[in-house]
Amino acid sequence: MKVLVPVKRVLDYNVKPRVKADGTGVDLANVKMSMNPFDEIAIEEAVRLKEKGAASEVVVVTIGVPKAETDILLTARAMGADRAILIATDDEVEPLAVAKLLAKVAQEEQPGLIILGKQAIDDDANQTGQMLAALLGWAQGTFASKVEVNGERVSVTREVDGGLETVDLKLPAIVTTDLRLNEPRYATLPNIMKAKSKPVAKKTIADYGVDVAPRLKTLKVVEPGKRQAGVKVGSVDELVERLKGLGVAK
């Protein structure tokens, strides 16, 4: 079984985002970029399936700037992916367009399983996996904290508001990863050197014939307001009165 893992290049989670002076978006000039953390978990799970013998090949795909080839795709291959696909574009691509492109890739690659992060930490959209499942007509298991492949089926334990829910899906299927699924391995220097010899197929959006024209318009981006300092109170009665004033206590 082939496993397809879509990944995204995002602002590194250790970097504090800066809003552009004109308020049109986040300033990405001269800042560290890295792989979306949820996608790292997806790659780790795919590689573990291969190590168990449940998968025969792990293919990663990204849609983004050409530089993604030398950072996140290299990291993905160093983690254990067999090959990569880069769909190069300098423009931002919305989740629906991403899902349409991934559907085209899936039709070409014919994977038995697609594993991707539940969301990207830059836009927190949490849409691509669900949209991709709808476009392909495949079963889906979202927010996975455990994945087990059994023959032609996959069991996915999901994290839901009430606890855990386990669903049994017929392959091919879509799985989106949650934080507690696994701990991604570190891409060591020897593996990074070996990864450079693994193939990368370079594509463009035009190769897939998908309309990626934006449907949404960002009106303004602003930094969150600063948290106000706390206030010390002299007694419980004063605390209760202040809470009443805020409408918290009655």
Foldseek 3Di string as FASTA:
>chain_A
DEEEQEKEKAFDPVDDWDADPVQQGTDPPPGDIAIFPQSLLQLQVNQVCVVVVNHVAYEYEYEEAPCCVVHHVLQSVLLPHQEYEYAHDHDDFDLLLVLLVVLLVCVVVVGFEYEYAQAGPRPRPSPNQVNNCVVNVFAEAEQFQEWDDDVQKIWGWHQDPVGIDIDIGGTPYYYHYHDNNDDRDGRDPVSSVVSVPRYYHYHYPVVRVTDRPDPDGDPGHDDDDDDDDDDDDDDPVVVQVVCVVVVNHD
